[in-house]
Each structure stands twice: as C-alpha cells, then as structure tokens.
C-alpha atoms as a PDB file:
ATOM      1  CA  UNK A   1       0.000   0.000   0.000  1.00  0.00           C
ATOM      2  CA  UNK A   2       1.396   3.388  -0.975  1.00  0.00           C
ATOM      3  CA  UNK A   3       1.931   6.073   1.638  1.00  0.00           C
ATOM      4  CA  UNK A   4      -0.575   8.952   1.464  1.00  0.00           C
ATOM      5  CA  UNK A   5       0.668  12.234   0.038  1.00  0.00           C
ATOM      6  CA  UNK A   6       0.745  14.285   3.253  1.00  0.00           C
ATOM      7  CA  UNK A   7       1.526  17.555   1.482  1.00  0.00           C
ATOM      8  CA  UNK A   8      -1.575  17.137  -0.656  1.00  0.00           C
ATOM      9  CA  UNK A   9      -3.745  16.355   2.387  1.00  0.00           C
ATOM     10  CA  UNK A  10      -2.416  19.373   4.289  1.00  0.00           C
ATOM     11  CA  UNK A  11      -2.949  21.680   1.320  1.00  0.00           C
ATOM     12  CA  UNK A  12      -6.545  20.478   0.868  1.00  0.00           C
ATOM     13  CA  UNK A  13      -7.421  20.828   4.563  1.00  0.00           C
ATOM     14  CA  UNK A  14      -9.025  24.159   5.249  1.00  0.00           C
ATOM     15  CA  UNK A  15     -11.896  25.536   7.293  1.00  0.00           C
ATOM     16  CA  UNK A  16     -13.662  28.813   6.549  1.00  0.00           C
ATOM     17  CA  UNK A  17     -16.437  30.122   8.756  1.00  0.00           C
ATOM     18  CA  UNK A  18     -17.404  33.791   8.457  1.00  0.00           C
ATOM     19  CA  UNK A  19     -14.194  35.671   9.279  1.00  0.00           C
ATOM     20  CA  UNK A  20     -12.350  32.623  10.633  1.00  0.00           C
ATOM     21  CA  UNK A  21      -9.952  30.681   8.424  1.00  0.00           C
ATOM     22  CA  UNK A  22      -7.685  27.746   9.253  1.00  0.00           C
ATOM     23  CA  UNK A  23      -5.472  25.806   6.856  1.00  0.00           C
ATOM     24  CA  UNK A  24      -3.327  22.709   7.141  1.00  0.00           C
ATOM     25  CA  UNK A  25      -2.571  21.181  10.528  1.00  0.00           C
ATOM     26  CA  UNK A  26      -4.716  23.641  12.551  1.00  0.00           C
ATOM     27  CA  UNK A  27      -7.725  22.848  10.350  1.00  0.00           C
ATOM     28  CA  UNK A  28      -7.179  19.109  10.867  1.00  0.00           C
ATOM     29  CA  UNK A  29      -6.842  19.577  14.649  1.00  0.00           C
ATOM     30  CA  UNK A  30     -10.017  21.671  14.801  1.00  0.00           C
ATOM     31  CA  UNK A  31     -11.895  19.009  12.823  1.00  0.00           C
ATOM     32  CA  UNK A  32     -10.659  16.167  15.026  1.00  0.00           C
ATOM     33  CA  UNK A  33     -11.456  18.051  18.232  1.00  0.00           C
ATOM     34  CA  UNK A  34     -14.957  18.750  16.915  1.00  0.00           C
ATOM     35  CA  UNK A  35     -15.480  15.042  16.345  1.00  0.00           C
ATOM     36  CA  UNK A  36     -14.165  14.183  19.826  1.00  0.00           C
ATOM     37  CA  UNK A  37     -16.384  16.853  21.411  1.00  0.00           C
ATOM     38  CA  UNK A  38     -19.444  15.535  19.588  1.00  0.00           C
ATOM     39  CA  UNK A  39     -18.676  11.942  20.593  1.00  0.00           C
ATOM     40  CA  UNK A  40     -18.291  12.987  24.235  1.00  0.00           C
ATOM     41  CA  UNK A  41     -21.579  14.877  24.161  1.00  0.00           C
ATOM     42  CA  UNK A  42     -23.410  11.909  22.640  1.00  0.00           C
ATOM     43  CA  UNK A  43     -21.919   9.566  25.231  1.00  0.00           C
ATOM     44  CA  UNK A  44     -22.884  11.882  28.099  1.00  0.00           C
ATOM     45  CA  UNK A  45     -26.445  12.115  26.779  1.00  0.00           C
ATOM     46  CA  UNK A  46     -26.626   8.335  26.426  1.00  0.00           C
ATOM     47  CA  UNK A  47     -25.546   7.891  30.048  1.00  0.00           C
ATOM     48  CA  UNK A  48     -27.977  10.547  31.277  1.00  0.00           C
ATOM     49  CA  UNK A  49     -30.886   9.398  29.088  1.00  0.00           C
ATOM     50  CA  UNK A  50     -32.781   7.502  31.815  1.00  0.00           C
ATOM     51  CA  UNK A  51     -32.937  10.578  34.050  1.00  0.00           C
ATOM     52  CA  UNK A  52     -33.542  13.194  31.335  1.00  0.00           C
ATOM     53  CA  UNK A  53     -37.316  12.715  31.325  1.00  0.00           C
ATOM     54  CA  UNK A  54     -37.558  13.385  35.056  1.00  0.00           C
ATOM     55  CA  UNK A  55     -35.214  16.388  34.820  1.00  0.00           C
ATOM     56  CA  UNK A  56     -37.263  17.928  32.007  1.00  0.00           C
ATOM     57  CA  UNK A  57     -40.491  17.328  33.936  1.00  0.00           C
ATOM     58  CA  UNK A  58     -39.052  19.041  37.019  1.00  0.00           C
ATOM     59  CA  UNK A  59     -37.723  21.953  34.922  1.00  0.00           C
ATOM     60  CA  UNK A  60     -41.184  22.438  33.425  1.00  0.00           C
ATOM     61  CA  UNK A  61     -42.738  22.483  36.891  1.00  0.00           C
ATOM     62  CA  UNK A  62     -40.132  25.016  38.047  1.00  0.00           C
ATOM     63  CA  UNK A  63     -40.865  27.333  35.126  1.00  0.00           C
ATOM     64  CA  UNK A  64     -44.600  27.045  35.789  1.00  0.00           C
ATOM     65  CA  UNK A  65     -44.045  27.884  39.455  1.00  0.00           C
ATOM     66  CA  UNK A  66     -41.948  30.963  38.606  1.00  0.00           C
ATOM     67  CA  UNK A  67     -44.353  32.413  36.032  1.00  0.00           C
ATOM     68  CA  UNK A  68     -45.829  35.715  37.139  1.00  0.00           C
ATOM     69  CA  UNK A  69     -48.636  36.019  34.606  1.00  0.00           C
ATOM     70  CA  UNK A  70     -50.921  33.643  36.547  1.00  0.00           C
ATOM     71  CA  UNK A  71     -52.878  34.950  39.499  1.00  0.00           C
ATOM     72  CA  UNK A  72     -51.820  33.437  42.798  1.00  0.00           C
ATOM     73  CA  UNK A  73     -53.918  32.701  45.841  1.00  0.00           C
ATOM     74  CA  UNK A  74     -53.110  34.848  48.844  1.00  0.00           C
ATOM     75  CA  UNK A  75     -53.469  33.378  52.258  1.00  0.00           C
END
C-alpha cells in the first residue's frame, strides 16, 4: 500500500467560517477536536438518558411555578 501524500492532504485541509480561516494542521486539529467533542456529548447524553425525562419534567414544573402572569392565591 502506498503512503498517502501528506503535502496534498495538508494543502486540501481548510476551514472557513465567516471571518475565521484555518489551513493545514490547525484545520485538521479543529476538525478532530470537533469530532471528539461531539462523541463525548453523545456519550454523556446516552448515560444521562434515563434521568432526562424526570429532569425535564421538574424543569417544566419550576418554570410554571416561577411564572408571574398567573394569578396566585393569597393566604
């Protein structure tokens, strides 16, 4: 198997987003770290999945309790 042409890969690697530009090794490192970050986020969500429903239910109840547009009973 022939070795990959690293100069060609580095030249073709570039990221452009609005005013941000990265070429070569920095672009490759940014891409790899984005993949690692996404994989970590997916794994964290998979671990927390059983408790997410309860957390969302409690967050909804908290928002409902803090709303000021509903009249409250005064004791």
